PDB file of N, CA and C in Angstrom:
ATOM      1  N   MET A   1       3.382 -24.717 -15.176  1.00  0.00           N
ATOM      2  CA  MET A   1       2.479 -25.261 -14.196  1.00  0.00           C
ATOM      3  C   MET A   1       1.052 -25.125 -14.722  1.00  0.00           C
ATOM      4  N   ASP A   2       0.281 -26.175 -14.573  1.00  0.00           N
ATOM      5  CA  ASP A   2      -1.112 -26.135 -14.988  1.00  0.00           C
ATOM      6  C   ASP A   2      -1.919 -25.293 -14.004  1.00  0.00           C
ATOM      7  N   GLU A   3      -2.934 -24.631 -14.511  1.00  0.00           N
ATOM      8  CA  GLU A   3      -3.807 -23.820 -13.670  1.00  0.00           C
ATOM      9  C   GLU A   3      -5.247 -24.100 -14.026  1.00  0.00           C
ATOM     10  N   ARG A   4      -6.119 -23.891 -13.078  1.00  0.00           N
ATOM     11  CA  ARG A   4      -7.557 -23.961 -13.311  1.00  0.00           C
ATOM     12  C   ARG A   4      -8.168 -22.627 -12.932  1.00  0.00           C
ATOM     13  N   GLU A   5      -9.167 -22.263 -13.667  1.00  0.00           N
ATOM     14  CA  GLU A   5      -9.894 -21.040 -13.355  1.00  0.00           C
ATOM     15  C   GLU A   5     -11.242 -21.437 -12.777  1.00  0.00           C
ATOM     16  N   ILE A   6     -11.619 -20.775 -11.691  1.00  0.00           N
ATOM     17  CA  ILE A   6     -12.937 -21.012 -11.102  1.00  0.00           C
ATOM     18  C   ILE A   6     -13.649 -19.679 -10.978  1.00  0.00           C
ATOM     19  N   VAL A   7     -14.948 -19.733 -10.887  1.00  0.00           N
ATOM     20  CA  VAL A   7     -15.762 -18.538 -10.692  1.00  0.00           C
ATOM     21  C   VAL A   7     -16.403 -18.637  -9.322  1.00  0.00           C
ATOM     22  N   LEU A   8     -16.240 -17.598  -8.525  1.00  0.00           N
ATOM     23  CA  LEU A   8     -16.840 -17.549  -7.194  1.00  0.00           C
ATOM     24  C   LEU A   8     -17.954 -16.528  -7.193  1.00  0.00           C
ATOM     25  N   THR A   9     -19.014 -16.854  -6.530  1.00  0.00           N
ATOM     26  CA  THR A   9     -20.093 -15.895  -6.334  1.00  0.00           C
ATOM     27  C   THR A   9     -20.171 -15.607  -4.843  1.00  0.00           C
ATOM     28  N   ILE A  10     -19.879 -14.376  -4.489  1.00  0.00           N
ATOM     29  CA  ILE A  10     -19.956 -13.964  -3.089  1.00  0.00           C
ATOM     30  C   ILE A  10     -20.814 -12.707  -3.009  1.00  0.00           C
ATOM     31  N   SER A  11     -21.322 -12.454  -1.839  1.00  0.00           N
ATOM     32  CA  SER A  11     -22.174 -11.274  -1.667  1.00  0.00           C
ATOM     33  C   SER A  11     -21.343  -9.998  -1.765  1.00  0.00           C
ATOM     34  N   GLU A  12     -21.974  -8.913  -2.115  1.00  0.00           N
ATOM     35  CA  GLU A  12     -21.299  -7.618  -2.177  1.00  0.00           C
ATOM     36  C   GLU A  12     -20.732  -7.272  -0.804  1.00  0.00           C
ATOM     37  N   HIS A  13     -21.452  -7.607   0.231  1.00  0.00           N
ATOM     38  CA  HIS A  13     -21.021  -7.356   1.600  1.00  0.00           C
ATOM     39  C   HIS A  13     -19.691  -8.065   1.885  1.00  0.00           C
ATOM     40  N   THR A  14     -19.621  -9.344   1.570  1.00  0.00           N
ATOM     41  CA  THR A  14     -18.394 -10.118   1.764  1.00  0.00           C
ATOM     42  C   THR A  14     -17.274  -9.565   0.899  1.00  0.00           C
ATOM     43  N   PHE A  15     -17.574  -9.254  -0.366  1.00  0.00           N
ATOM     44  CA  PHE A  15     -16.558  -8.720  -1.263  1.00  0.00           C
ATOM     45  C   PHE A  15     -15.941  -7.449  -0.695  1.00  0.00           C
ATOM     46  N   GLN A  16     -16.770  -6.546  -0.181  1.00  0.00           N
ATOM     47  CA  GLN A  16     -16.238  -5.276   0.313  1.00  0.00           C
ATOM     48  C   GLN A  16     -15.316  -5.474   1.511  1.00  0.00           C
ATOM     49  N   TYR A  17     -15.614  -6.457   2.381  1.00  0.00           N
ATOM     50  CA  TYR A  17     -14.696  -6.738   3.490  1.00  0.00           C
ATOM     51  C   TYR A  17     -13.384  -7.331   2.977  1.00  0.00           C
ATOM     52  N   LEU A  18     -13.470  -8.205   1.979  1.00  0.00           N
ATOM     53  CA  LEU A  18     -12.254  -8.752   1.387  1.00  0.00           C
ATOM     54  C   LEU A  18     -11.446  -7.660   0.693  1.00  0.00           C
ATOM     55  N   GLU A  19     -12.151  -6.720   0.101  1.00  0.00           N
ATOM     56  CA  GLU A  19     -11.507  -5.583  -0.554  1.00  0.00           C
ATOM     57  C   GLU A  19     -10.716  -4.759   0.468  1.00  0.00           C
ATOM     58  N   VAL A  20     -11.299  -4.513   1.622  1.00  0.00           N
ATOM     59  CA  VAL A  20     -10.608  -3.770   2.687  1.00  0.00           C
ATOM     60  C   VAL A  20      -9.337  -4.518   3.091  1.00  0.00           C
ATOM     61  N   LEU A  21      -9.448  -5.842   3.281  1.00  0.00           N
ATOM     62  CA  LEU A  21      -8.294  -6.644   3.661  1.00  0.00           C
ATOM     63  C   LEU A  21      -7.224  -6.641   2.578  1.00  0.00           C
ATOM     64  N   ALA A  22      -7.626  -6.848   1.332  1.00  0.00           N
ATOM     65  CA  ALA A  22      -6.673  -6.912   0.219  1.00  0.00           C
ATOM     66  C   ALA A  22      -5.946  -5.589   0.032  1.00  0.00           C
ATOM     67  N   VAL A  23      -6.668  -4.484   0.091  1.00  0.00           N
ATOM     68  CA  VAL A  23      -6.044  -3.174  -0.074  1.00  0.00           C
ATOM     69  C   VAL A  23      -5.119  -2.892   1.106  1.00  0.00           C
ATOM     70  N   GLY A  24      -5.572  -3.206   2.298  1.00  0.00           N
ATOM     71  CA  GLY A  24      -4.732  -2.989   3.483  1.00  0.00           C
ATOM     72  C   GLY A  24      -3.442  -3.779   3.425  1.00  0.00           C
ATOM     73  N   LEU A  25      -3.520  -5.046   3.027  1.00  0.00           N
ATOM     74  CA  LEU A  25      -2.319  -5.874   2.907  1.00  0.00           C
ATOM     75  C   LEU A  25      -1.375  -5.324   1.842  1.00  0.00           C
ATOM     76  N   SER A  26      -1.931  -4.846   0.747  1.00  0.00           N
ATOM     77  CA  SER A  26      -1.113  -4.280  -0.317  1.00  0.00           C
ATOM     78  C   SER A  26      -0.404  -3.013   0.158  1.00  0.00           C
ATOM     79  N   GLN A  27      -1.127  -2.185   0.889  1.00  0.00           N
ATOM     80  CA  GLN A  27      -0.526  -0.953   1.413  1.00  0.00           C
ATOM     81  C   GLN A  27       0.578  -1.272   2.413  1.00  0.00           C
ATOM     82  N   GLU A  28       0.343  -2.258   3.277  1.00  0.00           N
ATOM     83  CA  GLU A  28       1.351  -2.622   4.268  1.00  0.00           C
ATOM     84  C   GLU A  28       2.604  -3.181   3.608  1.00  0.00           C
ATOM     85  N   ALA A  29       2.417  -3.978   2.566  1.00  0.00           N
ATOM     86  CA  ALA A  29       3.546  -4.630   1.914  1.00  0.00           C
ATOM     87  C   ALA A  29       4.315  -3.705   0.983  1.00  0.00           C
ATOM     88  N   GLN A  30       3.605  -2.807   0.290  1.00  0.00           N
ATOM     89  CA  GLN A  30       4.254  -2.040  -0.776  1.00  0.00           C
ATOM     90  C   GLN A  30       4.069  -0.537  -0.682  1.00  0.00           C
ATOM     91  N   GLY A  31       3.446  -0.066   0.355  1.00  0.00           N
ATOM     92  CA  GLY A  31       3.220   1.368   0.495  1.00  0.00           C
ATOM     93  C   GLY A  31       1.866   1.780  -0.071  1.00  0.00           C
ATOM     94  N   VAL A  32       1.455   2.965   0.307  1.00  0.00           N
ATOM     95  CA  VAL A  32       0.118   3.445  -0.039  1.00  0.00           C
ATOM     96  C   VAL A  32      -0.057   3.672  -1.529  1.00  0.00           C
ATOM     97  N   ASP A  33       0.966   4.125  -2.208  1.00  0.00           N
ATOM     98  CA  ASP A  33       0.854   4.446  -3.635  1.00  0.00           C
ATOM     99  C   ASP A  33       1.652   3.434  -4.454  1.00  0.00           C
ATOM    100  N   ASN A  34       1.164   2.197  -4.517  1.00  0.00           N
ATOM    101  CA  ASN A  34       1.906   1.167  -5.232  1.00  0.00           C
ATOM    102  C   ASN A  34       1.157   0.716  -6.477  1.00  0.00           C
ATOM    103  N   GLU A  35       1.885   0.059  -7.358  1.00  0.00           N
ATOM    104  CA  GLU A  35       1.319  -0.372  -8.645  1.00  0.00           C
ATOM    105  C   GLU A  35       0.191  -1.381  -8.471  1.00  0.00           C
ATOM    106  N   ALA A  36       0.287  -2.256  -7.461  1.00  0.00           N
ATOM    107  CA  ALA A  36      -0.766  -3.255  -7.248  1.00  0.00           C
ATOM    108  C   ALA A  36      -2.102  -2.582  -6.951  1.00  0.00           C
ATOM    109  N   LEU A  37      -2.062  -1.461  -6.255  1.00  0.00           N
ATOM    110  CA  LEU A  37      -3.299  -0.747  -5.944  1.00  0.00           C
ATOM    111  C   LEU A  37      -3.893  -0.099  -7.182  1.00  0.00           C
ATOM    112  N   LYS A  38      -3.033   0.244  -8.136  1.00  0.00           N
ATOM    113  CA  LYS A  38      -3.514   0.888  -9.356  1.00  0.00           C
ATOM    114  C   LYS A  38      -3.932  -0.128 -10.415  1.00  0.00           C
ATOM    115  N   ALA A  39      -3.347  -1.314 -10.396  1.00  0.00           N
ATOM    116  CA  ALA A  39      -3.604  -2.329 -11.425  1.00  0.00           C
ATOM    117  C   ALA A  39      -5.045  -2.815 -11.356  1.00  0.00           C
ATOM    118  N   GLY A  40      -5.777  -2.597 -12.407  1.00  0.00           N
ATOM    119  CA  GLY A  40      -7.144  -3.081 -12.479  1.00  0.00           C
ATOM    120  C   GLY A  40      -8.151  -2.239 -11.731  1.00  0.00           C
ATOM    121  N   TYR A  41      -7.700  -1.195 -11.082  1.00  0.00           N
ATOM    122  CA  TYR A  41      -8.616  -0.358 -10.310  1.00  0.00           C
ATOM    123  C   TYR A  41      -9.445   0.510 -11.237  1.00  0.00           C
ATOM    124  N   ASP A  42     -10.738   0.447 -11.045  1.00  0.00           N
ATOM    125  CA  ASP A  42     -11.657   1.258 -11.839  1.00  0.00           C
ATOM    126  C   ASP A  42     -12.303   2.274 -10.905  1.00  0.00           C
ATOM    127  N   LYS A  43     -11.863   3.509 -11.015  1.00  0.00           N
ATOM    128  CA  LYS A  43     -12.319   4.568 -10.112  1.00  0.00           C
ATOM    129  C   LYS A  43     -13.833   4.766 -10.171  1.00  0.00           C
ATOM    130  N   ARG A  44     -14.428   4.515 -11.339  1.00  0.00           N
ATOM    131  CA  ARG A  44     -15.872   4.726 -11.486  1.00  0.00           C
ATOM    132  C   ARG A  44     -16.685   3.775 -10.619  1.00  0.00           C
ATOM    133  N   ILE A  45     -16.168   2.553 -10.426  1.00  0.00           N
ATOM    134  CA  ILE A  45     -16.935   1.588  -9.631  1.00  0.00           C
ATOM    135  C   ILE A  45     -16.224   1.220  -8.333  1.00  0.00           C
ATOM    136  N   ASP A  46     -15.097   1.887  -8.045  1.00  0.00           N
ATOM    137  CA  ASP A  46     -14.349   1.669  -6.814  1.00  0.00           C
ATOM    138  C   ASP A  46     -14.103   0.178  -6.593  1.00  0.00           C
ATOM    139  N   ASP A  47     -13.471  -0.462  -7.575  1.00  0.00           N
ATOM    140  CA  ASP A  47     -13.304  -1.913  -7.578  1.00  0.00           C
ATOM    141  C   ASP A  47     -11.843  -2.316  -7.472  1.00  0.00           C
ATOM    142  N   TYR A  48     -11.514  -3.000  -6.402  1.00  0.00           N
ATOM    143  CA  TYR A  48     -10.187  -3.578  -6.250  1.00  0.00           C
ATOM    144  C   TYR A  48     -10.260  -5.089  -6.462  1.00  0.00           C
ATOM    145  N   GLY A  49     -11.063  -5.492  -7.404  1.00  0.00           N
ATOM    146  CA  GLY A  49     -11.249  -6.905  -7.713  1.00  0.00           C
ATOM    147  C   GLY A  49      -9.954  -7.667  -7.956  1.00  0.00           C
ATOM    148  N   PRO A  50      -8.989  -7.110  -8.713  1.00  0.00           N
ATOM    149  CA  PRO A  50      -7.736  -7.843  -8.932  1.00  0.00           C
ATOM    150  C   PRO A  50      -6.986  -8.145  -7.632  1.00  0.00           C
ATOM    151  N   LEU A  51      -7.006  -7.209  -6.688  1.00  0.00           N
ATOM    152  CA  LEU A  51      -6.348  -7.467  -5.407  1.00  0.00           C
ATOM    153  C   LEU A  51      -7.098  -8.529  -4.609  1.00  0.00           C
ATOM    154  N   VAL A  52      -8.422  -8.511  -4.665  1.00  0.00           N
ATOM    155  CA  VAL A  52      -9.216  -9.524  -3.966  1.00  0.00           C
ATOM    156  C   VAL A  52      -8.952 -10.900  -4.582  1.00  0.00           C
ATOM    157  N   ALA A  53      -8.875 -10.961  -5.910  1.00  0.00           N
ATOM    158  CA  ALA A  53      -8.583 -12.228  -6.580  1.00  0.00           C
ATOM    159  C   ALA A  53      -7.228 -12.761  -6.136  1.00  0.00           C
ATOM    160  N   LYS A  54      -6.217 -11.899  -6.064  1.00  0.00           N
ATOM    161  CA  LYS A  54      -4.881 -12.321  -5.626  1.00  0.00           C
ATOM    162  C   LYS A  54      -4.921 -12.797  -4.179  1.00  0.00           C
ATOM    163  N   LEU A  55      -5.648 -12.100  -3.332  1.00  0.00           N
ATOM    164  CA  LEU A  55      -5.793 -12.506  -1.937  1.00  0.00           C
ATOM    165  C   LEU A  55      -6.390 -13.910  -1.850  1.00  0.00           C
ATOM    166  N   LEU A  56      -7.459 -14.158  -2.595  1.00  0.00           N
ATOM    167  CA  LEU A  56      -8.105 -15.460  -2.562  1.00  0.00           C
ATOM    168  C   LEU A  56      -7.202 -16.555  -3.142  1.00  0.00           C
ATOM    169  N   GLU A  57      -6.414 -16.214  -4.159  1.00  0.00           N
ATOM    170  CA  GLU A  57      -5.443 -17.175  -4.695  1.00  0.00           C
ATOM    171  C   GLU A  57      -4.406 -17.531  -3.626  1.00  0.00           C
ATOM    172  N   ASP A  58      -3.918 -16.531  -2.898  1.00  0.00           N
ATOM    173  CA  ASP A  58      -2.936 -16.776  -1.841  1.00  0.00           C
ATOM    174  C   ASP A  58      -3.531 -17.622  -0.719  1.00  0.00           C
ATOM    175  N   VAL A  59      -4.764 -17.317  -0.329  1.00  0.00           N
ATOM    176  CA  VAL A  59      -5.438 -18.092   0.724  1.00  0.00           C
ATOM    177  C   VAL A  59      -5.635 -19.539   0.267  1.00  0.00           C
ATOM    178  N   ALA A  60      -6.052 -19.726  -0.982  1.00  0.00           N
ATOM    179  CA  ALA A  60      -6.244 -21.082  -1.511  1.00  0.00           C
ATOM    180  C   ALA A  60      -4.919 -21.850  -1.486  1.00  0.00           C
ATOM    181  N   GLY A  61      -3.833 -21.194  -1.834  1.00  0.00           N
ATOM    182  CA  GLY A  61      -2.527 -21.842  -1.792  1.00  0.00           C
ATOM    183  C   GLY A  61      -2.140 -22.262  -0.381  1.00  0.00           C
ATOM    184  N   SER A  62      -2.427 -21.405   0.596  1.00  0.00           N
ATOM    185  CA  SER A  62      -2.134 -21.740   1.987  1.00  0.00           C
ATOM    186  C   SER A  62      -2.997 -22.898   2.472  1.00  0.00           C
ATOM    187  N   LEU A  63      -4.263 -22.899   2.092  1.00  0.00           N
ATOM    188  CA  LEU A  63      -5.135 -24.016   2.476  1.00  0.00           C
ATOM    189  C   LEU A  63      -4.631 -25.321   1.871  1.00  0.00           C
ATOM    190  N   ALA A  64      -4.221 -25.263   0.611  1.00  0.00           N
ATOM    191  CA  ALA A  64      -3.693 -26.465  -0.039  1.00  0.00           C
ATOM    192  C   ALA A  64      -2.431 -26.951   0.670  1.00  0.00           C
ATOM    193  N   ASP A  65      -1.557 -26.021   1.090  1.00  0.00           N
ATOM    194  CA  ASP A  65      -0.365 -26.419   1.835  1.00  0.00           C
ATOM    195  C   ASP A  65      -0.741 -27.092   3.146  1.00  0.00           C
ATOM    196  N   GLY A  66      -1.776 -26.597   3.807  1.00  0.00           N
ATOM    197  CA  GLY A  66      -2.230 -27.202   5.054  1.00  0.00           C
ATOM    198  C   GLY A  66      -2.755 -28.608   4.870  1.00  0.00           C
ATOM    199  N   VAL A  67      -3.304 -28.890   3.702  1.00  0.00           N
ATOM    200  CA  VAL A  67      -3.774 -30.236   3.394  1.00  0.00           C
ATOM    201  C   VAL A  67      -2.587 -31.122   3.006  1.00  0.00           C
ATOM    202  N   ARG A  68      -1.696 -30.560   2.210  1.00  0.00           N
ATOM    203  CA  ARG A  68      -0.568 -31.330   1.663  1.00  0.00           C
ATOM    204  C   ARG A  68       0.469 -31.683   2.723  1.00  0.00           C
ATOM    205  N   ARG A  69       0.712 -30.765   3.639  1.00  0.00           N
ATOM    206  CA  ARG A  69       1.769 -30.972   4.641  1.00  0.00           C
ATOM    207  C   ARG A  69       1.169 -30.950   6.043  1.00  0.00           C
ATOM    208  N   PRO A  70       0.935 -32.112   6.631  1.00  0.00           N
ATOM    209  CA  PRO A  70       0.293 -32.177   7.946  1.00  0.00           C
ATOM    210  C   PRO A  70       0.988 -31.366   9.037  1.00  0.00           C
ATOM    211  N   GLY A  71       2.307 -31.185   8.954  1.00  0.00           N
ATOM    212  CA  GLY A  71       3.025 -30.433   9.979  1.00  0.00           C
ATOM    213  C   GLY A  71       3.092 -28.937   9.731  1.00  0.00           C
ATOM    214  N   ALA A  72       2.523 -28.472   8.637  1.00  0.00           N
ATOM    215  CA  ALA A  72       2.611 -27.059   8.273  1.00  0.00           C
ATOM    216  C   ALA A  72       1.756 -26.190   9.198  1.00  0.00           C
ATOM    217  N   TRP A  73       2.166 -24.942   9.353  1.00  0.00           N
ATOM    218  CA  TRP A  73       1.385 -24.022  10.178  1.00  0.00           C
ATOM    219  C   TRP A  73      -0.013 -23.829   9.590  1.00  0.00           C
ATOM    220  N   GLU A  74      -0.129 -23.987   8.286  1.00  0.00           N
ATOM    221  CA  GLU A  74      -1.423 -23.799   7.628  1.00  0.00           C
ATOM    222  C   GLU A  74      -2.443 -24.862   8.036  1.00  0.00           C
ATOM    223  N   ARG A  75      -1.978 -26.009   8.532  1.00  0.00           N
ATOM    224  CA  ARG A  75      -2.907 -27.074   8.939  1.00  0.00           C
ATOM    225  C   ARG A  75      -3.876 -26.567  10.007  1.00  0.00           C
ATOM    226  N   GLY A  76      -3.386 -25.754  10.935  1.00  0.00           N
ATOM    227  CA  GLY A  76      -4.262 -25.200  11.963  1.00  0.00           C
ATOM    228  C   GLY A  76      -5.371 -24.343  11.367  1.00  0.00           C
ATOM    229  N   VAL A  77      -5.041 -23.599  10.308  1.00  0.00           N
ATOM    230  CA  VAL A  77      -6.043 -22.771   9.628  1.00  0.00           C
ATOM    231  C   VAL A  77      -7.092 -23.665   8.970  1.00  0.00           C
ATOM    232  N   VAL A  78      -6.629 -24.736   8.308  1.00  0.00           N
ATOM    233  CA  VAL A  78      -7.559 -25.682   7.682  1.00  0.00           C
ATOM    234  C   VAL A  78      -8.500 -26.253   8.727  1.00  0.00           C
ATOM    235  N   ASP A  79      -7.936 -26.691   9.843  1.00  0.00           N
ATOM    236  CA  ASP A  79      -8.752 -27.261  10.922  1.00  0.00           C
ATOM    237  C   ASP A  79      -9.775 -26.255  11.445  1.00  0.00           C
ATOM    238  N   GLN A  80      -9.329 -25.026  11.691  1.00  0.00           N
ATOM    239  CA  GLN A  80     -10.223 -24.003  12.241  1.00  0.00           C
ATOM    240  C   GLN A  80     -11.318 -23.604  11.267  1.00  0.00           C
ATOM    241  N   LEU A  81     -10.971 -23.460  10.002  1.00  0.00           N
ATOM    242  CA  LEU A  81     -11.959 -23.006   9.018  1.00  0.00           C
ATOM    243  C   LEU A  81     -12.953 -24.088   8.612  1.00  0.00           C
ATOM    244  N   THR A  82     -12.488 -25.336   8.590  1.00  0.00           N
ATOM    245  CA  THR A  82     -13.334 -26.379   8.013  1.00  0.00           C
ATOM    246  C   THR A  82     -13.693 -27.511   8.955  1.00  0.00           C
ATOM    247  N   GLY A  83     -12.895 -27.743   9.986  1.00  0.00           N
ATOM    248  CA  GLY A  83     -13.124 -28.887  10.859  1.00  0.00           C
ATOM    249  C   GLY A  83     -12.720 -30.208  10.226  1.00  0.00           C
ATOM    250  N   TRP A  84     -11.972 -30.149   9.136  1.00  0.00           N
ATOM    251  CA  TRP A  84     -11.544 -31.348   8.410  1.00  0.00           C
ATOM    252  C   TRP A  84     -10.712 -32.254   9.299  1.00  0.00           C
ATOM    253  N   ASN A  85     -10.986 -33.561   9.280  1.00  0.00           N
ATOM    254  CA  ASN A  85     -10.255 -34.492  10.131  1.00  0.00           C
ATOM    255  C   ASN A  85      -9.235 -35.320   9.360  1.00  0.00           C
ATOM    256  N   SER A  86      -8.785 -34.809   8.234  1.00  0.00           N
ATOM    257  CA  SER A  86      -7.753 -35.441   7.405  1.00  0.00           C
ATOM    258  C   SER A  86      -8.223 -36.705   6.697  1.00  0.00           C
ATOM    259  N   THR A  87      -9.508 -36.861   6.501  1.00  0.00           N
ATOM    260  CA  THR A  87     -10.020 -38.007   5.770  1.00  0.00           C
ATOM    261  C   THR A  87      -9.617 -37.906   4.310  1.00  0.00           C
ATOM    262  N   VAL A  88      -9.046 -38.976   3.778  1.00  0.00           N
ATOM    263  CA  VAL A  88      -8.620 -39.014   2.389  1.00  0.00           C
ATOM    264  C   VAL A  88      -9.148 -40.299   1.766  1.00  0.00           C
ATOM    265  N   TYR A  89      -9.701 -40.180   0.595  1.00  0.00           N
ATOM    266  CA  TYR A  89     -10.160 -41.342  -0.161  1.00  0.00           C
ATOM    267  C   TYR A  89      -9.213 -41.544  -1.333  1.00  0.00           C
ATOM    268  N   PRO A  90      -8.334 -42.554  -1.235  1.00  0.00           N
ATOM    269  CA  PRO A  90      -7.338 -42.761  -2.300  1.00  0.00           C
ATOM    270  C   PRO A  90      -7.985 -42.910  -3.673  1.00  0.00           C
ATOM    271  N   ASP A  91      -7.260 -42.485  -4.678  1.00  0.00           N
ATOM    272  CA  ASP A  91      -7.657 -42.630  -6.084  1.00  0.00           C
ATOM    273  C   ASP A  91      -8.883 -41.820  -6.470  1.00  0.00           C
ATOM    274  N   LYS A  92      -9.256 -40.847  -5.680  1.00  0.00           N
ATOM    275  CA  LYS A  92     -10.410 -40.003  -6.013  1.00  0.00           C
ATOM    276  C   LYS A  92      -9.989 -38.666  -6.593  1.00  0.00           C
ATOM    277  N   PHE A  93      -8.699 -38.370  -6.574  1.00  0.00           N
ATOM    278  CA  PHE A  93      -8.227 -37.047  -6.956  1.00  0.00           C
ATOM    279  C   PHE A  93      -7.246 -37.138  -8.106  1.00  0.00           C
ATOM    280  N   GLY A  94      -6.825 -35.993  -8.576  1.00  0.00           N
ATOM    281  CA  GLY A  94      -5.873 -35.941  -9.673  1.00  0.00           C
ATOM    282  C   GLY A  94      -4.531 -36.548  -9.296  1.00  0.00           C
ATOM    283  N   ASP A  95      -3.711 -36.780 -10.270  1.00  0.00           N
ATOM    284  CA  ASP A  95      -2.429 -37.430 -10.035  1.00  0.00           C
ATOM    285  C   ASP A  95      -1.398 -36.522  -9.360  1.00  0.00           C
ATOM    286  N   LEU A  96      -1.739 -35.271  -9.105  1.00  0.00           N
ATOM    287  CA  LEU A  96      -0.839 -34.371  -8.404  1.00  0.00           C
ATOM    288  C   LEU A  96      -0.992 -34.474  -6.891  1.00  0.00           C
ATOM    289  N   VAL A  97      -2.061 -35.119  -6.432  1.00  0.00           N
ATOM    290  CA  VAL A  97      -2.342 -35.208  -5.001  1.00  0.00           C
ATOM    291  C   VAL A  97      -1.625 -36.417  -4.417  1.00  0.00           C
ATOM    292  N   ASP A  98      -0.780 -36.154  -3.440  1.00  0.00           N
ATOM    293  CA  ASP A  98      -0.073 -37.223  -2.743  1.00  0.00           C
ATOM    294  C   ASP A  98      -0.148 -36.914  -1.254  1.00  0.00           C
ATOM    295  N   ILE A  99      -1.149 -37.454  -0.597  1.00  0.00           N
ATOM    296  CA  ILE A  99      -1.380 -37.180   0.822  1.00  0.00           C
ATOM    297  C   ILE A  99      -1.198 -38.477   1.593  1.00  0.00           C
ATOM    298  N   PRO A 100      -0.380 -38.458   2.629  1.00  0.00           N
ATOM    299  CA  PRO A 100      -0.255 -39.650   3.447  1.00  0.00           C
ATOM    300  C   PRO A 100      -1.610 -39.993   4.078  1.00  0.00           C
ATOM    301  N   ILE A 101      -1.970 -41.251   4.046  1.00  0.00           N
ATOM    302  CA  ILE A 101      -3.266 -41.689   4.582  1.00  0.00           C
ATOM    303  C   ILE A 101      -3.117 -41.996   6.043  1.00  0.00           C
ATOM    304  N   LYS A 102      -4.051 -41.451   6.863  1.00  0.00           N
ATOM    305  CA  LYS A 102      -4.055 -41.739   8.290  1.00  0.00           C
ATOM    306  C   LYS A 102      -4.481 -43.175   8.531  1.00  0.00           C
ATOM    307  N   ASP A 103      -3.860 -43.807   9.516  1.00  0.00           N
ATOM    308  CA  ASP A 103      -4.282 -45.159   9.900  1.00  0.00           C
ATOM    309  C   ASP A 103      -5.431 -45.098  10.866  1.00  0.00           C
TER     310      ASP A 103
END
């Protein structure tokens, strides 16, 4: 599968809240002392960046599903977060995008 890498710039304040969420989700899913919590963790700077990156990748995947599948539960999240009204401009995107056009 092809992948793209992007760089996000977010405030330290936002990052720390995402860090709390990412660590909490990891603890809930795999226990307090799990490998995901240790992977990439730098005790000197208290950085759970790898977990935050995974969280954002998962969120991006869910948003994409909400766009791709109009009946998906993720569509409600897309609507709430962005207010998107399903406007699609054919032939403007890559050949992997196949979205039914609203009449």
